[in-house]
């Protein structure tokens, strides 16, 4: 990882359960994934990207569980937030 940012387009076909990513700067590049959603909090993507087999198992995280949301944001903190 080199901290660069890349923009990609996405096309989702819900009937075929596929996700196709495209790269705006390279018309010949794409990544094709099939997806499964075993439950409302889980998404599994499997496919090919840059000639490599890829499998991603993702889980939904409750946004209210994030430290910044729970403690609130303050420009100046009178007391440190100890982790």
PDB file of N, CA and C in Angstrom:
ATOM      1  N   UNK A   1       0.840  -1.165   0.000  1.00  0.00           N
ATOM      2  CA  UNK A   1       0.000   0.000   0.000  1.00  0.00           C
ATOM      3  C   UNK A   1       0.894   1.238   0.000  1.00  0.00           C
ATOM      4  N   UNK A   2       0.536   2.177  -0.859  1.00  0.00           N
ATOM      5  CA  UNK A   2       1.357   3.367  -0.974  1.00  0.00           C
ATOM      6  C   UNK A   2       0.563   4.659  -0.786  1.00  0.00           C
ATOM      7  N   UNK A   3      -0.595   4.572  -0.188  1.00  0.00           N
ATOM      8  CA  UNK A   3      -1.439   5.729   0.137  1.00  0.00           C
ATOM      9  C   UNK A   3      -1.979   6.447  -1.090  1.00  0.00           C
ATOM     10  N   UNK A   4      -1.980   5.797  -2.258  1.00  0.00           N
ATOM     11  CA  UNK A   4      -2.581   6.420  -3.428  1.00  0.00           C
ATOM     12  C   UNK A   4      -4.079   6.134  -3.431  1.00  0.00           C
ATOM     13  N   UNK A   5      -4.803   6.960  -4.163  1.00  0.00           N
ATOM     14  CA  UNK A   5      -6.249   6.839  -4.239  1.00  0.00           C
ATOM     15  C   UNK A   5      -6.616   6.550  -5.684  1.00  0.00           C
ATOM     16  N   UNK A   6      -7.435   5.533  -5.931  1.00  0.00           N
ATOM     17  CA  UNK A   6      -7.856   5.176  -7.285  1.00  0.00           C
ATOM     18  C   UNK A   6      -9.378   5.172  -7.351  1.00  0.00           C
ATOM     19  N   UNK A   7      -9.921   5.789  -8.394  1.00  0.00           N
ATOM     20  CA  UNK A   7     -11.367   5.806  -8.587  1.00  0.00           C
ATOM     21  C   UNK A   7     -11.777   4.638  -9.470  1.00  0.00           C
ATOM     22  N   UNK A   8     -12.864   3.987  -9.073  1.00  0.00           N
ATOM     23  CA  UNK A   8     -13.394   2.879  -9.841  1.00  0.00           C
ATOM     24  C   UNK A   8     -14.898   3.056  -9.991  1.00  0.00           C
ATOM     25  N   UNK A   9     -15.409   2.597 -11.123  1.00  0.00           N
ATOM     26  CA  UNK A   9     -16.851   2.546 -11.324  1.00  0.00           C
ATOM     27  C   UNK A   9     -17.341   1.154 -10.962  1.00  0.00           C
ATOM     28  N   UNK A  10     -18.610   1.049 -10.615  1.00  0.00           N
ATOM     29  CA  UNK A  10     -19.167  -0.258 -10.238  1.00  0.00           C
ATOM     30  C   UNK A  10     -20.516  -0.454 -10.919  1.00  0.00           C
ATOM     31  N   UNK A  11     -20.724  -1.662 -11.421  1.00  0.00           N
ATOM     32  CA  UNK A  11     -22.007  -2.058 -11.990  1.00  0.00           C
ATOM     33  C   UNK A  11     -22.454  -3.308 -11.250  1.00  0.00           C
ATOM     34  N   UNK A  12     -23.656  -3.251 -10.688  1.00  0.00           N
ATOM     35  CA  UNK A  12     -24.181  -4.375  -9.917  1.00  0.00           C
ATOM     36  C   UNK A  12     -25.368  -4.968 -10.655  1.00  0.00           C
ATOM     37  N   UNK A  13     -25.333  -6.281 -10.861  1.00  0.00           N
ATOM     38  CA  UNK A  13     -26.447  -7.007 -11.460  1.00  0.00           C
ATOM     39  C   UNK A  13     -27.043  -7.888 -10.367  1.00  0.00           C
ATOM     40  N   UNK A  14     -28.180  -7.466  -9.796  1.00  0.00           N
ATOM     41  CA  UNK A  14     -28.760  -8.195  -8.670  1.00  0.00           C
ATOM     42  C   UNK A  14     -29.363  -9.532  -9.089  1.00  0.00           C
ATOM     43  N   UNK A  15     -29.802  -9.668 -10.352  1.00  0.00           N
ATOM     44  CA  UNK A  15     -30.364 -10.957 -10.770  1.00  0.00           C
ATOM     45  C   UNK A  15     -29.275 -12.003 -10.952  1.00  0.00           C
ATOM     46  N   UNK A  16     -28.118 -11.605 -11.491  1.00  0.00           N
ATOM     47  CA  UNK A  16     -26.994 -12.540 -11.661  1.00  0.00           C
ATOM     48  C   UNK A  16     -26.085 -12.560 -10.439  1.00  0.00           C
ATOM     49  N   UNK A  17     -26.308 -11.643  -9.491  1.00  0.00           N
ATOM     50  CA  UNK A  17     -25.489 -11.501  -8.287  1.00  0.00           C
ATOM     51  C   UNK A  17     -24.017 -11.313  -8.640  1.00  0.00           C
ATOM     52  N   UNK A  18     -23.767 -10.304  -9.497  1.00  0.00           N
ATOM     53  CA  UNK A  18     -22.404  -9.986  -9.881  1.00  0.00           C
ATOM     54  C   UNK A  18     -22.128  -8.504  -9.653  1.00  0.00           C
ATOM     55  N   UNK A  19     -20.844  -8.201  -9.453  1.00  0.00           N
ATOM     56  CA  UNK A  19     -20.348  -6.840  -9.297  1.00  0.00           C
ATOM     57  C   UNK A  19     -19.160  -6.692 -10.239  1.00  0.00           C
ATOM     58  N   UNK A  20     -19.223  -5.707 -11.126  1.00  0.00           N
ATOM     59  CA  UNK A  20     -18.133  -5.454 -12.064  1.00  0.00           C
ATOM     60  C   UNK A  20     -17.543  -4.092 -11.743  1.00  0.00           C
ATOM     61  N   UNK A  21     -16.232  -4.065 -11.470  1.00  0.00           N
ATOM     62  CA  UNK A  21     -15.525  -2.812 -11.230  1.00  0.00           C
ATOM     63  C   UNK A  21     -14.782  -2.420 -12.495  1.00  0.00           C
ATOM     64  N   UNK A  22     -14.787  -1.119 -12.810  1.00  0.00           N
ATOM     65  CA  UNK A  22     -14.031  -0.594 -13.943  1.00  0.00           C
ATOM     66  C   UNK A  22     -13.154   0.542 -13.447  1.00  0.00           C
ATOM     67  N   UNK A  23     -12.074   0.787 -14.177  1.00  0.00           N
ATOM     68  CA  UNK A  23     -11.146   1.862 -13.814  1.00  0.00           C
ATOM     69  C   UNK A  23     -11.293   2.964 -14.854  1.00  0.00           C
ATOM     70  N   UNK A  24     -11.587   4.170 -14.402  1.00  0.00           N
ATOM     71  CA  UNK A  24     -11.832   5.276 -15.306  1.00  0.00           C
ATOM     72  C   UNK A  24     -10.675   5.600 -16.222  1.00  0.00           C
ATOM     73  N   UNK A  25      -9.449   5.380 -15.782  1.00  0.00           N
ATOM     74  CA  UNK A  25      -8.272   5.727 -16.576  1.00  0.00           C
ATOM     75  C   UNK A  25      -7.853   4.617 -17.533  1.00  0.00           C
ATOM     76  N   UNK A  26      -8.405   3.419 -17.393  1.00  0.00           N
ATOM     77  CA  UNK A  26      -8.008   2.269 -18.222  1.00  0.00           C
ATOM     78  C   UNK A  26      -9.260   1.538 -18.674  1.00  0.00           C
ATOM     79  N   UNK A  27      -9.672   1.756 -19.922  1.00  0.00           N
ATOM     80  CA  UNK A  27     -10.904   1.149 -20.432  1.00  0.00           C
ATOM     81  C   UNK A  27     -10.836  -0.370 -20.540  1.00  0.00           C
ATOM     82  N   UNK A  28      -9.642  -0.935 -20.616  1.00  0.00           N
ATOM     83  CA  UNK A  28      -9.500  -2.376 -20.742  1.00  0.00           C
ATOM     84  C   UNK A  28      -9.503  -3.123 -19.417  1.00  0.00           C
ATOM     85  N   UNK A  29      -9.427  -2.394 -18.307  1.00  0.00           N
ATOM     86  CA  UNK A  29      -9.338  -3.030 -16.986  1.00  0.00           C
ATOM     87  C   UNK A  29     -10.719  -3.246 -16.404  1.00  0.00           C
ATOM     88  N   UNK A  30     -10.938  -4.420 -15.832  1.00  0.00           N
ATOM     89  CA  UNK A  30     -12.144  -4.656 -15.034  1.00  0.00           C
ATOM     90  C   UNK A  30     -11.889  -5.786 -14.047  1.00  0.00           C
ATOM     91  N   UNK A  31     -12.710  -5.829 -13.040  1.00  0.00           N
ATOM     92  CA  UNK A  31     -12.670  -6.904 -12.043  1.00  0.00           C
ATOM     93  C   UNK A  31     -14.097  -7.396 -11.898  1.00  0.00           C
ATOM     94  N   UNK A  32     -14.277  -8.691 -11.957  1.00  0.00           N
ATOM     95  CA  UNK A  32     -15.618  -9.264 -11.913  1.00  0.00           C
ATOM     96  C   UNK A  32     -15.737 -10.155 -10.685  1.00  0.00           C
ATOM     97  N   UNK A  33     -16.756  -9.882  -9.888  1.00  0.00           N
ATOM     98  CA  UNK A  33     -17.006 -10.645  -8.665  1.00  0.00           C
ATOM     99  C   UNK A  33     -18.436 -11.169  -8.650  1.00  0.00           C
ATOM    100  N   UNK A  34     -18.587 -12.355  -8.111  1.00  0.00           N
ATOM    101  CA  UNK A  34     -19.926 -12.831  -7.762  1.00  0.00           C
ATOM    102  C   UNK A  34     -20.075 -12.563  -6.270  1.00  0.00           C
ATOM    103  N   UNK A  35     -21.310 -12.350  -5.837  1.00  0.00           N
ATOM    104  CA  UNK A  35     -21.495 -12.063  -4.418  1.00  0.00           C
ATOM    105  C   UNK A  35     -22.603 -12.911  -3.820  1.00  0.00           C
ATOM    106  N   UNK A  36     -22.481 -13.124  -2.523  1.00  0.00           N
ATOM    107  CA  UNK A  36     -23.481 -13.836  -1.727  1.00  0.00           C
ATOM    108  C   UNK A  36     -23.718 -13.006  -0.476  1.00  0.00           C
ATOM    109  N   UNK A  37     -24.936 -13.036   0.016  1.00  0.00           N
ATOM    110  CA  UNK A  37     -25.246 -12.365   1.274  1.00  0.00           C
ATOM    111  C   UNK A  37     -25.957 -13.375   2.177  1.00  0.00           C
ATOM    112  N   UNK A  38     -25.171 -14.175   2.921  1.00  0.00           N
ATOM    113  CA  UNK A  38     -25.759 -15.212   3.773  1.00  0.00           C
ATOM    114  C   UNK A  38     -26.704 -14.662   4.837  1.00  0.00           C
ATOM    115  N   UNK A  39     -26.403 -13.465   5.343  1.00  0.00           N
ATOM    116  CA  UNK A  39     -27.299 -12.808   6.299  1.00  0.00           C
ATOM    117  C   UNK A  39     -27.168 -11.295   6.098  1.00  0.00           C
ATOM    118  N   UNK A  40     -28.050 -10.502   6.699  1.00  0.00           N
ATOM    119  CA  UNK A  40     -28.027  -9.058   6.449  1.00  0.00           C
ATOM    120  C   UNK A  40     -26.744  -8.338   6.866  1.00  0.00           C
ATOM    121  N   UNK A  41     -25.908  -8.963   7.679  1.00  0.00           N
ATOM    122  CA  UNK A  41     -24.685  -8.299   8.133  1.00  0.00           C
ATOM    123  C   UNK A  41     -23.421  -8.840   7.467  1.00  0.00           C
ATOM    124  N   UNK A  42     -23.555  -9.718   6.481  1.00  0.00           N
ATOM    125  CA  UNK A  42     -22.392 -10.342   5.856  1.00  0.00           C
ATOM    126  C   UNK A  42     -22.506 -10.269   4.340  1.00  0.00           C
ATOM    127  N   UNK A  43     -21.376  -9.985   3.675  1.00  0.00           N
ATOM    128  CA  UNK A  43     -21.311  -9.973   2.216  1.00  0.00           C
ATOM    129  C   UNK A  43     -20.020 -10.666   1.810  1.00  0.00           C
ATOM    130  N   UNK A  44     -20.132 -11.635   0.906  1.00  0.00           N
ATOM    131  CA  UNK A  44     -18.971 -12.380   0.416  1.00  0.00           C
ATOM    132  C   UNK A  44     -18.811 -12.096  -1.072  1.00  0.00           C
ATOM    133  N   UNK A  45     -17.617 -11.644  -1.462  1.00  0.00           N
ATOM    134  CA  UNK A  45     -17.294 -11.383  -2.866  1.00  0.00           C
ATOM    135  C   UNK A  45     -16.200 -12.345  -3.300  1.00  0.00           C
ATOM    136  N   UNK A  46     -16.373 -12.976  -4.473  1.00  0.00           N
ATOM    137  CA  UNK A  46     -15.362 -13.877  -5.027  1.00  0.00           C
ATOM    138  C   UNK A  46     -15.214 -13.582  -6.506  1.00  0.00           C
ATOM    139  N   UNK A  47     -13.973 -13.528  -6.986  1.00  0.00           N
ATOM    140  CA  UNK A  47     -13.773 -13.280  -8.399  1.00  0.00           C
ATOM    141  C   UNK A  47     -12.326 -13.074  -8.759  1.00  0.00           C
ATOM    142  N   UNK A  48     -12.123 -12.358  -9.875  1.00  0.00           N
ATOM    143  CA  UNK A  48     -10.790 -12.109 -10.424  1.00  0.00           C
ATOM    144  C   UNK A  48     -10.523 -10.607 -10.462  1.00  0.00           C
ATOM    145  N   UNK A  49      -9.313 -10.226 -10.066  1.00  0.00           N
ATOM    146  CA  UNK A  49      -8.897  -8.837 -10.169  1.00  0.00           C
ATOM    147  C   UNK A  49      -7.404  -8.816 -10.467  1.00  0.00           C
ATOM    148  N   UNK A  50      -7.012  -8.136 -11.528  1.00  0.00           N
ATOM    149  CA  UNK A  50      -5.606  -8.059 -11.957  1.00  0.00           C
ATOM    150  C   UNK A  50      -4.980  -9.441 -12.120  1.00  0.00           C
ATOM    151  N   UNK A  51      -5.750 -10.405 -12.595  1.00  0.00           N
ATOM    152  CA  UNK A  51      -5.229 -11.749 -12.823  1.00  0.00           C
ATOM    153  C   UNK A  51      -5.090 -12.590 -11.570  1.00  0.00           C
ATOM    154  N   UNK A  52      -5.638 -12.132 -10.451  1.00  0.00           N
ATOM    155  CA  UNK A  52      -5.546 -12.866  -9.187  1.00  0.00           C
ATOM    156  C   UNK A  52      -6.940 -13.250  -8.707  1.00  0.00           C
ATOM    157  N   UNK A  53      -7.027 -14.463  -8.155  1.00  0.00           N
ATOM    158  CA  UNK A  53      -8.283 -14.859  -7.519  1.00  0.00           C
ATOM    159  C   UNK A  53      -8.409 -14.099  -6.202  1.00  0.00           C
ATOM    160  N   UNK A  54      -9.594 -13.551  -5.960  1.00  0.00           N
ATOM    161  CA  UNK A  54      -9.822 -12.741  -4.762  1.00  0.00           C
ATOM    162  C   UNK A  54     -11.090 -13.232  -4.075  1.00  0.00           C
ATOM    163  N   UNK A  55     -11.032 -13.312  -2.760  1.00  0.00           N
ATOM    164  CA  UNK A  55     -12.209 -13.606  -1.946  1.00  0.00           C
ATOM    165  C   UNK A  55     -12.216 -12.606  -0.787  1.00  0.00           C
ATOM    166  N   UNK A  56     -13.338 -11.917  -0.647  1.00  0.00           N
ATOM    167  CA  UNK A  56     -13.495 -10.951   0.438  1.00  0.00           C
ATOM    168  C   UNK A  56     -14.712 -11.342   1.261  1.00  0.00           C
ATOM    169  N   UNK A  57     -14.537 -11.446   2.547  1.00  0.00           N
ATOM    170  CA  UNK A  57     -15.623 -11.749   3.476  1.00  0.00           C
ATOM    171  C   UNK A  57     -15.794 -10.518   4.352  1.00  0.00           C
ATOM    172  N   UNK A  58     -16.875  -9.783   4.146  1.00  0.00           N
ATOM    173  CA  UNK A  58     -17.072  -8.519   4.850  1.00  0.00           C
ATOM    174  C   UNK A  58     -18.204  -8.630   5.856  1.00  0.00           C
ATOM    175  N   UNK A  59     -18.123  -7.847   6.896  1.00  0.00           N
ATOM    176  CA  UNK A  59     -19.152  -7.810   7.937  1.00  0.00           C
ATOM    177  C   UNK A  59     -19.571  -6.364   8.177  1.00  0.00           C
ATOM    178  N   UNK A  60     -20.847  -6.152   8.373  1.00  0.00           N
ATOM    179  CA  UNK A  60     -21.382  -4.831   8.671  1.00  0.00           C
ATOM    180  C   UNK A  60     -21.097  -4.482  10.125  1.00  0.00           C
ATOM    181  N   UNK A  61     -20.555  -3.292  10.333  1.00  0.00           N
ATOM    182  CA  UNK A  61     -20.243  -2.826  11.684  1.00  0.00           C
ATOM    183  C   UNK A  61     -21.215  -1.700  12.023  1.00  0.00           C
ATOM    184  N   UNK A  62     -21.763  -1.733  13.212  1.00  0.00           N
ATOM    185  CA  UNK A  62     -22.676  -0.690  13.657  1.00  0.00           C
ATOM    186  C   UNK A  62     -21.917   0.628  13.769  1.00  0.00           C
ATOM    187  N   UNK A  63     -22.320   1.668  13.017  1.00  0.00           N
ATOM    188  CA  UNK A  63     -21.605   2.946  13.077  1.00  0.00           C
ATOM    189  C   UNK A  63     -21.564   3.541  14.490  1.00  0.00           C
ATOM    190  N   UNK A  64     -22.534   3.233  15.300  1.00  0.00           N
ATOM    191  CA  UNK A  64     -22.548   3.763  16.667  1.00  0.00           C
ATOM    192  C   UNK A  64     -21.453   3.161  17.535  1.00  0.00           C
ATOM    193  N   UNK A  65     -20.795   2.099  17.073  1.00  0.00           N
ATOM    194  CA  UNK A  65     -19.729   1.473  17.850  1.00  0.00           C
ATOM    195  C   UNK A  65     -18.375   2.152  17.629  1.00  0.00           C
ATOM    196  N   UNK A  66     -18.268   3.060  16.662  1.00  0.00           N
ATOM    197  CA  UNK A  66     -17.004   3.744  16.409  1.00  0.00           C
ATOM    198  C   UNK A  66     -16.711   4.744  17.521  1.00  0.00           C
ATOM    199  N   UNK A  67     -15.451   4.811  17.927  1.00  0.00           N
ATOM    200  CA  UNK A  67     -15.035   5.661  19.042  1.00  0.00           C
ATOM    201  C   UNK A  67     -15.391   7.136  18.808  1.00  0.00           C
ATOM    202  N   UNK A  68     -15.172   7.633  17.603  1.00  0.00           N
ATOM    203  CA  UNK A  68     -15.444   9.046  17.342  1.00  0.00           C
ATOM    204  C   UNK A  68     -16.936   9.361  17.466  1.00  0.00           C
ATOM    205  N   UNK A  69     -17.782   8.428  17.065  1.00  0.00           N
ATOM    206  CA  UNK A  69     -19.226   8.643  17.175  1.00  0.00           C
ATOM    207  C   UNK A  69     -19.662   8.544  18.633  1.00  0.00           C
ATOM    208  N   UNK A  70     -19.104   7.588  19.373  1.00  0.00           N
ATOM    209  CA  UNK A  70     -19.501   7.395  20.778  1.00  0.00           C
ATOM    210  C   UNK A  70     -19.059   8.550  21.668  1.00  0.00           C
ATOM    211  N   UNK A  71     -17.838   9.041  21.448  1.00  0.00           N
ATOM    212  CA  UNK A  71     -17.325  10.076  22.341  1.00  0.00           C
ATOM    213  C   UNK A  71     -17.636  11.477  21.846  1.00  0.00           C
ATOM    214  N   UNK A  72     -17.970  11.615  20.582  1.00  0.00           N
ATOM    215  CA  UNK A  72     -18.218  12.932  20.018  1.00  0.00           C
ATOM    216  C   UNK A  72     -16.919  13.584  19.627  1.00  0.00           C
ATOM    217  N   UNK A  73     -16.984  14.480  18.668  1.00  0.00           N
ATOM    218  CA  UNK A  73     -15.780  15.151  18.188  1.00  0.00           C
ATOM    219  C   UNK A  73     -15.668  16.515  18.853  1.00  0.00           C
ATOM    220  N   UNK A  74     -14.481  16.812  19.342  1.00  0.00           N
ATOM    221  CA  UNK A  74     -14.211  18.105  19.962  1.00  0.00           C
ATOM    222  C   UNK A  74     -12.873  18.612  19.423  1.00  0.00           C
ATOM    223  N   UNK A  75     -12.834  19.845  18.940  1.00  0.00           N
ATOM    224  CA  UNK A  75     -11.584  20.407  18.451  1.00  0.00           C
ATOM    225  C   UNK A  75     -10.562  20.487  19.575  1.00  0.00           C
ATOM    226  N   UNK A  76     -11.015  20.832  20.754  1.00  0.00           N
ATOM    227  CA  UNK A  76     -10.131  20.922  21.909  1.00  0.00           C
ATOM    228  C   UNK A  76     -10.647  19.957  22.965  1.00  0.00           C
ATOM    229  N   UNK A  77      -9.773  19.067  23.421  1.00  0.00           N
ATOM    230  CA  UNK A  77     -10.176  18.119  24.448  1.00  0.00           C
ATOM    231  C   UNK A  77      -9.565  18.547  25.771  1.00  0.00           C
ATOM    232  N   UNK A  78     -10.428  18.741  26.732  1.00  0.00           N
ATOM    233  CA  UNK A  78      -9.935  19.128  28.049  1.00  0.00           C
ATOM    234  C   UNK A  78      -9.298  17.936  28.763  1.00  0.00           C
ATOM    235  N   UNK A  79      -9.795  16.757  28.472  1.00  0.00           N
ATOM    236  CA  UNK A  79      -9.268  15.521  29.061  1.00  0.00           C
ATOM    237  C   UNK A  79      -8.992  14.545  27.921  1.00  0.00           C
ATOM    238  N   UNK A  80      -7.882  13.812  27.976  1.00  0.00           N
ATOM    239  CA  UNK A  80      -7.596  12.846  26.914  1.00  0.00           C
ATOM    240  C   UNK A  80      -8.565  11.665  26.959  1.00  0.00           C
ATOM    241  N   UNK A  81      -8.834  11.117  25.787  1.00  0.00           N
ATOM    242  CA  UNK A  81      -9.663   9.920  25.698  1.00  0.00           C
ATOM    243  C   UNK A  81      -8.731   8.727  25.775  1.00  0.00           C
ATOM    244  N   UNK A  82      -8.704   8.077  26.914  1.00  0.00           N
ATOM    245  CA  UNK A  82      -7.834   6.913  27.087  1.00  0.00           C
ATOM    246  C   UNK A  82      -8.483   5.697  26.470  1.00  0.00           C
ATOM    247  N   UNK A  83      -7.705   4.975  25.741  1.00  0.00           N
ATOM    248  CA  UNK A  83      -8.247   3.811  25.032  1.00  0.00           C
ATOM    249  C   UNK A  83      -8.235   2.618  25.905  1.00  0.00           C
TER     250      UNK A  83
END
